Amino acid sequence: MTRFDPRERFSAAWRSFRATTDLDEYDTRWDRMAAEGHDVHGEADFVMSFAPDTVLDAGCGTGRVAIELARRGVAVVGVDLDPDLLERARRRAPDLEWVMADLAEVDLRREFDVVVMAGNVLPFADPVHRAGIVAAMARHVRVDGVLVVGSTLAPGWPTVDDLERWCSGAGLVAAERHAGWQREPFVDRPDEPTGYVVTVHRRPVG
């Protein structure tokens, strides 16, 4: 049996990010910001507004969001393709469930109240796999549960229309759209793809 090598599946964008990023700095900057008094848990606050019992943190990285959700009493699973980031997540929270998997292929054989992709997960994915990732994540959303996606808007990265098309194709219905995790009003500027968007799509009942 051929051993699964996750690094062979890294997108060009993620390879470039990794080549220019100090993972120790990447991992600790949030701790430093928190120590300086900044609110670093906007994503967790947003997710908690849906009162979930279970959450799938897709593209969990070093586990910042998942660990905070677990601290608040949520049963959370973190999934990521990068073993180096997952190693840091496991070191921070060894009792949580961390899964190394390709988001376009993962099948945990269970559903969640909320599936969240919080940190430019789709922009860093290979463009040919983005729709498949959304479809795979949608399959993990329970009936009346939600898929929450946060994404920077930039030239060449997924657009709001892309997100809507992929979610609709996966059987989800648009529920909310914001310009940030504090539910700031979103103004669509298709000719000027800048800023940030947080979308919420629900799996309908029936």
C-alpha atoms as a PDB file:
ATOM      1  CA  MET A   1       0.000   0.000   0.000  1.00  0.00           C
ATOM      2  CA  THR A   2       1.348   3.426  -0.989  1.00  0.00           C
ATOM      3  CA  ARG A   3       1.781   5.704   1.988  1.00  0.00           C
ATOM      4  CA  PHE A   4      -0.230   8.908   1.891  1.00  0.00           C
ATOM      5  CA  ASP A   5       2.064  11.926   1.548  1.00  0.00           C
ATOM      6  CA  PRO A   6       0.023  15.058   2.317  1.00  0.00           C
ATOM      7  CA  ARG A   7       2.681  17.431   1.040  1.00  0.00           C
ATOM      8  CA  GLU A   8       2.232  16.097  -2.477  1.00  0.00           C
ATOM      9  CA  ARG A   9      -1.300  17.498  -2.357  1.00  0.00           C
ATOM     10  CA  PHE A  10      -0.362  21.001  -1.252  1.00  0.00           C
ATOM     11  CA  SER A  11      -1.547  23.674  -3.678  1.00  0.00           C
ATOM     12  CA  ALA A  12       0.954  26.039  -5.295  1.00  0.00           C
ATOM     13  CA  ALA A  13      -0.435  28.846  -3.125  1.00  0.00           C
ATOM     14  CA  TRP A  14       0.086  26.853   0.070  1.00  0.00           C
ATOM     15  CA  ARG A  15       3.587  25.795  -0.967  1.00  0.00           C
ATOM     16  CA  SER A  16       4.446  29.451  -1.508  1.00  0.00           C
ATOM     17  CA  PHE A  17       2.959  30.397   1.865  1.00  0.00           C
ATOM     18  CA  ARG A  18       4.884  27.684   3.650  1.00  0.00           C
ATOM     19  CA  ALA A  19       8.136  28.639   1.938  1.00  0.00           C
ATOM     20  CA  THR A  20       7.905  32.187   3.247  1.00  0.00           C
ATOM     21  CA  THR A  21       6.316  31.622   6.671  1.00  0.00           C
ATOM     22  CA  ASP A  22       7.944  31.022  10.026  1.00  0.00           C
ATOM     23  CA  LEU A  23       5.585  28.510  11.597  1.00  0.00           C
ATOM     24  CA  ASP A  24       6.622  29.391  15.125  1.00  0.00           C
ATOM     25  CA  GLU A  25       5.718  33.022  14.457  1.00  0.00           C
ATOM     26  CA  TYR A  26       2.524  31.952  12.691  1.00  0.00           C
ATOM     27  CA  ASP A  27       1.586  29.809  15.680  1.00  0.00           C
ATOM     28  CA  THR A  28       2.323  32.316  18.415  1.00  0.00           C
ATOM     29  CA  ARG A  29       1.175  35.633  16.947  1.00  0.00           C
ATOM     30  CA  TRP A  30      -2.367  35.069  18.227  1.00  0.00           C
ATOM     31  CA  ASP A  31      -1.064  34.445  21.741  1.00  0.00           C
ATOM     32  CA  ARG A  32       0.896  37.659  21.524  1.00  0.00           C
ATOM     33  CA  MET A  33      -2.135  39.587  20.272  1.00  0.00           C
ATOM     34  CA  ALA A  34      -4.284  38.176  23.091  1.00  0.00           C
ATOM     35  CA  ALA A  35      -1.652  39.176  25.629  1.00  0.00           C
ATOM     36  CA  GLU A  36      -1.803  42.705  24.201  1.00  0.00           C
ATOM     37  CA  GLY A  37      -5.539  42.818  24.834  1.00  0.00           C
ATOM     38  CA  HIS A  38      -6.847  42.105  21.348  1.00  0.00           C
ATOM     39  CA  ASP A  39      -9.945  39.962  20.845  1.00  0.00           C
ATOM     40  CA  VAL A  40      -8.649  36.977  18.891  1.00  0.00           C
ATOM     41  CA  HIS A  41     -11.730  34.782  19.097  1.00  0.00           C
ATOM     42  CA  GLY A  42     -14.125  36.474  16.709  1.00  0.00           C
ATOM     43  CA  GLU A  43     -14.531  33.286  14.697  1.00  0.00           C
ATOM     44  CA  ALA A  44     -15.398  31.258  17.809  1.00  0.00           C
ATOM     45  CA  ASP A  45     -17.847  33.951  18.960  1.00  0.00           C
ATOM     46  CA  PHE A  46     -19.529  33.822  15.557  1.00  0.00           C
ATOM     47  CA  VAL A  47     -19.788  30.035  15.561  1.00  0.00           C
ATOM     48  CA  MET A  48     -21.162  30.013  19.113  1.00  0.00           C
ATOM     49  CA  SER A  49     -24.025  32.275  18.015  1.00  0.00           C
ATOM     50  CA  PHE A  50     -25.549  29.143  16.443  1.00  0.00           C
ATOM     51  CA  ALA A  51     -25.443  27.330  19.819  1.00  0.00           C
ATOM     52  CA  PRO A  52     -23.725  24.237  18.408  1.00  0.00           C
ATOM     53  CA  ASP A  53     -23.086  21.030  20.269  1.00  0.00           C
ATOM     54  CA  THR A  54     -20.750  19.778  17.533  1.00  0.00           C
ATOM     55  CA  VAL A  55     -18.395  21.602  15.167  1.00  0.00           C
ATOM     56  CA  LEU A  56     -16.067  20.538  12.388  1.00  0.00           C
ATOM     57  CA  ASP A  57     -13.174  22.986  12.041  1.00  0.00           C
ATOM     58  CA  ALA A  58     -12.098  22.391   8.433  1.00  0.00           C
ATOM     59  CA  GLY A  59      -8.634  23.652   7.645  1.00  0.00           C
ATOM     60  CA  CYS A  60      -7.999  23.987  11.364  1.00  0.00           C
ATOM     61  CA  GLY A  61      -4.299  24.835  11.084  1.00  0.00           C
ATOM     62  CA  THR A  62      -2.684  24.985  14.504  1.00  0.00           C
ATOM     63  CA  GLY A  63      -6.077  24.676  16.185  1.00  0.00           C
ATOM     64  CA  ARG A  64      -6.753  28.162  17.514  1.00  0.00           C
ATOM     65  CA  VAL A  65     -10.478  28.163  16.705  1.00  0.00           C
ATOM     66  CA  ALA A  66     -11.089  24.506  17.555  1.00  0.00           C
ATOM     67  CA  ILE A  67      -9.350  24.777  20.905  1.00  0.00           C
ATOM     68  CA  GLU A  68     -11.363  27.849  21.872  1.00  0.00           C
ATOM     69  CA  LEU A  69     -14.624  26.153  20.861  1.00  0.00           C
ATOM     70  CA  ALA A  70     -13.700  23.099  22.942  1.00  0.00           C
ATOM     71  CA  ARG A  71     -12.954  25.389  25.884  1.00  0.00           C
ATOM     72  CA  ARG A  72     -16.534  26.627  25.574  1.00  0.00           C
ATOM     73  CA  GLY A  73     -17.940  23.120  25.775  1.00  0.00           C
ATOM     74  CA  VAL A  74     -18.326  22.208  22.099  1.00  0.00           C
ATOM     75  CA  ALA A  75     -17.421  18.740  20.813  1.00  0.00           C
ATOM     76  CA  VAL A  76     -15.069  19.738  18.023  1.00  0.00           C
ATOM     77  CA  VAL A  77     -13.016  17.928  15.390  1.00  0.00           C
ATOM     78  CA  GLY A  78     -10.167  19.632  13.564  1.00  0.00           C
ATOM     79  CA  VAL A  79      -9.135  18.589  10.038  1.00  0.00           C
ATOM     80  CA  ASP A  80      -6.142  19.791   8.063  1.00  0.00           C
ATOM     81  CA  LEU A  81      -3.828  18.516   5.335  1.00  0.00           C
ATOM     82  CA  ASP A  82      -0.642  20.074   6.696  1.00  0.00           C
ATOM     83  CA  PRO A  83       1.029  17.715   9.189  1.00  0.00           C
ATOM     84  CA  ASP A  84       3.266  20.433  10.609  1.00  0.00           C
ATOM     85  CA  LEU A  85       0.300  22.579  11.600  1.00  0.00           C
ATOM     86  CA  LEU A  86      -1.570  19.583  12.985  1.00  0.00           C
ATOM     87  CA  GLU A  87       1.464  18.622  15.062  1.00  0.00           C
ATOM     88  CA  ARG A  88       1.267  22.021  16.726  1.00  0.00           C
ATOM     89  CA  ALA A  89      -2.482  21.639  17.260  1.00  0.00           C
ATOM     90  CA  ARG A  90      -1.994  18.238  18.893  1.00  0.00           C
ATOM     91  CA  ARG A  91       0.730  19.650  21.096  1.00  0.00           C
ATOM     92  CA  ARG A  92      -1.574  22.430  22.276  1.00  0.00           C
ATOM     93  CA  ALA A  93      -4.608  20.218  22.824  1.00  0.00           C
ATOM     94  CA  PRO A  94      -3.731  16.504  22.830  1.00  0.00           C
ATOM     95  CA  ASP A  95      -7.180  15.460  24.032  1.00  0.00           C
ATOM     96  CA  LEU A  96      -9.009  16.882  21.005  1.00  0.00           C
ATOM     97  CA  GLU A  97      -9.622  14.936  17.811  1.00  0.00           C
ATOM     98  CA  TRP A  98      -7.308  16.028  15.012  1.00  0.00           C
ATOM     99  CA  VAL A  99      -7.548  14.435  11.570  1.00  0.00           C
ATOM    100  CA  MET A 100      -5.027  14.746   8.749  1.00  0.00           C
ATOM    101  CA  ALA A 101      -6.950  14.640   5.498  1.00  0.00           C
ATOM    102  CA  ASP A 102      -7.527  16.314   2.158  1.00  0.00           C
ATOM    103  CA  LEU A 103     -10.662  18.432   2.578  1.00  0.00           C
ATOM    104  CA  ALA A 104     -11.830  17.526  -0.916  1.00  0.00           C
ATOM    105  CA  GLU A 105     -11.891  13.829   0.015  1.00  0.00           C
ATOM    106  CA  VAL A 106     -12.452  13.611   3.764  1.00  0.00           C
ATOM    107  CA  ASP A 107     -15.402  11.573   5.008  1.00  0.00           C
ATOM    108  CA  LEU A 108     -15.741  11.416   8.778  1.00  0.00           C
ATOM    109  CA  ARG A 109     -19.029   9.499   8.487  1.00  0.00           C
ATOM    110  CA  ARG A 110     -20.839  11.908  10.774  1.00  0.00           C
ATOM    111  CA  GLU A 111     -22.584  15.241  10.640  1.00  0.00           C
ATOM    112  CA  PHE A 112     -22.084  18.440  12.631  1.00  0.00           C
ATOM    113  CA  ASP A 113     -24.196  21.377  13.769  1.00  0.00           C
ATOM    114  CA  VAL A 114     -21.623  23.742  12.266  1.00  0.00           C
ATOM    115  CA  VAL A 115     -18.848  23.224   9.776  1.00  0.00           C
ATOM    116  CA  VAL A 116     -16.508  26.214   9.698  1.00  0.00           C
ATOM    117  CA  MET A 117     -13.707  27.173   7.337  1.00  0.00           C
ATOM    118  CA  ALA A 118     -12.337  30.182   9.132  1.00  0.00           C
ATOM    119  CA  GLY A 119      -8.978  31.172   7.717  1.00  0.00           C
ATOM    120  CA  ASN A 120      -8.756  31.556   3.927  1.00  0.00           C
ATOM    121  CA  VAL A 121      -9.046  27.802   3.514  1.00  0.00           C
ATOM    122  CA  LEU A 122     -10.588  27.995   0.054  1.00  0.00           C
ATOM    123  CA  PRO A 123      -8.234  30.659  -1.347  1.00  0.00           C
ATOM    124  CA  PHE A 124      -5.238  28.497  -0.410  1.00  0.00           C
ATOM    125  CA  ALA A 125      -6.776  25.375  -1.965  1.00  0.00           C
ATOM    126  CA  ASP A 126      -6.028  24.371  -5.530  1.00  0.00           C
ATOM    127  CA  PRO A 127      -8.654  26.110  -7.711  1.00  0.00           C
ATOM    128  CA  VAL A 128      -9.720  22.808  -9.298  1.00  0.00           C
ATOM    129  CA  HIS A 129     -10.593  21.412  -5.848  1.00  0.00           C
ATOM    130  CA  ARG A 130     -12.461  24.366  -4.328  1.00  0.00           C
ATOM    131  CA  ALA A 131     -15.953  23.311  -5.402  1.00  0.00           C
ATOM    132  CA  GLY A 132     -15.202  19.763  -4.276  1.00  0.00           C
ATOM    133  CA  ILE A 133     -14.105  20.977  -0.866  1.00  0.00           C
ATOM    134  CA  VAL A 134     -17.367  22.866  -0.405  1.00  0.00           C
ATOM    135  CA  ALA A 135     -19.317  19.775  -1.471  1.00  0.00           C
ATOM    136  CA  ALA A 136     -17.372  17.565   0.947  1.00  0.00           C
ATOM    137  CA  MET A 137     -17.928  19.997   3.804  1.00  0.00           C
ATOM    138  CA  ALA A 138     -21.632  20.277   2.978  1.00  0.00           C
ATOM    139  CA  ARG A 139     -21.963  16.517   3.354  1.00  0.00           C
ATOM    140  CA  HIS A 140     -20.847  16.933   6.968  1.00  0.00           C
ATOM    141  CA  VAL A 141     -23.558  19.513   7.793  1.00  0.00           C
ATOM    142  CA  ARG A 142     -26.598  18.076   9.542  1.00  0.00           C
ATOM    143  CA  VAL A 143     -30.123  19.030   8.533  1.00  0.00           C
ATOM    144  CA  ASP A 144     -30.739  22.635   9.667  1.00  0.00           C
ATOM    145  CA  GLY A 145     -27.014  22.968  10.404  1.00  0.00           C
ATOM    146  CA  VAL A 146     -24.754  25.539   8.778  1.00  0.00           C
ATOM    147  CA  LEU A 147     -21.558  25.868   6.789  1.00  0.00           C
ATOM    148  CA  VAL A 148     -19.642  29.015   7.733  1.00  0.00           C
ATOM    149  CA  VAL A 149     -16.905  30.260   5.410  1.00  0.00           C
ATOM    150  CA  GLY A 150     -14.591  33.205   6.017  1.00  0.00           C
ATOM    151  CA  SER A 151     -12.496  34.396   3.079  1.00  0.00           C
ATOM    152  CA  THR A 152     -10.430  37.352   2.004  1.00  0.00           C
ATOM    153  CA  LEU A 153     -11.563  38.799  -1.304  1.00  0.00           C
ATOM    154  CA  ALA A 154      -8.694  39.418  -3.685  1.00  0.00           C
ATOM    155  CA  PRO A 155      -8.004  39.132  -7.418  1.00  0.00           C
ATOM    156  CA  GLY A 156      -7.662  35.473  -8.373  1.00  0.00           C
ATOM    157  CA  TRP A 157      -9.203  34.238  -5.131  1.00  0.00           C
ATOM    158  CA  PRO A 158     -12.773  32.912  -4.782  1.00  0.00           C
ATOM    159  CA  THR A 159     -15.468  35.517  -5.291  1.00  0.00           C
ATOM    160  CA  VAL A 160     -18.765  35.855  -3.481  1.00  0.00           C
ATOM    161  CA  ASP A 161     -20.480  34.480  -6.580  1.00  0.00           C
ATOM    162  CA  ASP A 162     -18.148  31.469  -6.517  1.00  0.00           C
ATOM    163  CA  LEU A 163     -19.056  30.747  -2.902  1.00  0.00           C
ATOM    164  CA  GLU A 164     -22.758  31.047  -3.629  1.00  0.00           C
ATOM    165  CA  ARG A 165     -22.525  28.775  -6.672  1.00  0.00           C
ATOM    166  CA  TRP A 166     -20.519  26.091  -4.880  1.00  0.00           C
ATOM    167  CA  CYS A 167     -22.792  26.095  -1.832  1.00  0.00           C
ATOM    168  CA  SER A 168     -25.960  26.022  -3.912  1.00  0.00           C
ATOM    169  CA  GLY A 169     -24.550  23.143  -5.944  1.00  0.00           C
ATOM    170  CA  ALA A 170     -23.917  21.281  -2.697  1.00  0.00           C
ATOM    171  CA  GLY A 171     -27.555  21.642  -1.624  1.00  0.00           C
ATOM    172  CA  LEU A 172     -27.112  24.499   0.836  1.00  0.00           C
ATOM    173  CA  VAL A 173     -29.207  27.666   1.064  1.00  0.00           C
ATOM    174  CA  ALA A 174     -27.793  31.146   1.692  1.00  0.00           C
ATOM    175  CA  ALA A 175     -28.644  32.416   5.171  1.00  0.00           C
ATOM    176  CA  GLU A 176     -26.249  35.268   6.065  1.00  0.00           C
ATOM    177  CA  ARG A 177     -23.460  37.326   4.534  1.00  0.00           C
ATOM    178  CA  HIS A 178     -21.190  39.699   6.452  1.00  0.00           C
ATOM    179  CA  ALA A 179     -17.996  41.675   5.995  1.00  0.00           C
ATOM    180  CA  GLY A 180     -16.374  40.182   9.106  1.00  0.00           C
ATOM    181  CA  TRP A 181     -16.799  38.008  12.170  1.00  0.00           C
ATOM    182  CA  GLN A 182     -18.567  40.799  14.061  1.00  0.00           C
ATOM    183  CA  ARG A 183     -21.368  40.664  11.450  1.00  0.00           C
ATOM    184  CA  GLU A 184     -20.329  43.923   9.844  1.00  0.00           C
ATOM    185  CA  PRO A 185     -22.551  44.867   6.888  1.00  0.00           C
ATOM    186  CA  PHE A 186     -21.307  43.455   3.593  1.00  0.00           C
ATOM    187  CA  VAL A 187     -21.306  45.563   0.441  1.00  0.00           C
ATOM    188  CA  ASP A 188     -20.660  43.575  -2.720  1.00  0.00           C
ATOM    189  CA  ARG A 189     -18.179  45.266  -5.067  1.00  0.00           C
ATOM    190  CA  PRO A 190     -17.701  42.733  -7.903  1.00  0.00           C
ATOM    191  CA  ASP A 191     -15.483  45.129  -9.860  1.00  0.00           C
ATOM    192  CA  GLU A 192     -13.258  45.658  -6.807  1.00  0.00           C
ATOM    193  CA  PRO A 193     -12.740  42.289  -5.096  1.00  0.00           C
ATOM    194  CA  THR A 194     -11.192  43.440  -1.845  1.00  0.00           C
ATOM    195  CA  GLY A 195     -12.030  43.099   1.827  1.00  0.00           C
ATOM    196  CA  TYR A 196     -13.420  40.074   3.608  1.00  0.00           C
ATOM    197  CA  VAL A 197     -16.613  38.059   3.534  1.00  0.00           C
ATOM    198  CA  VAL A 198     -18.209  35.641   5.987  1.00  0.00           C
ATOM    199  CA  THR A 199     -20.974  33.532   4.479  1.00  0.00           C
ATOM    200  CA  VAL A 200     -23.451  31.255   6.211  1.00  0.00           C
ATOM    201  CA  HIS A 201     -25.284  28.558   4.288  1.00  0.00           C
ATOM    202  CA  ARG A 202     -27.836  26.243   5.855  1.00  0.00           C
ATOM    203  CA  ARG A 203     -28.828  22.691   5.002  1.00  0.00           C
ATOM    204  CA  PRO A 204     -32.592  22.983   4.623  1.00  0.00           C
ATOM    205  CA  VAL A 205     -35.092  20.790   6.365  1.00  0.00           C
ATOM    206  CA  GLY A 206     -36.891  18.450   3.982  1.00  0.00           C
END
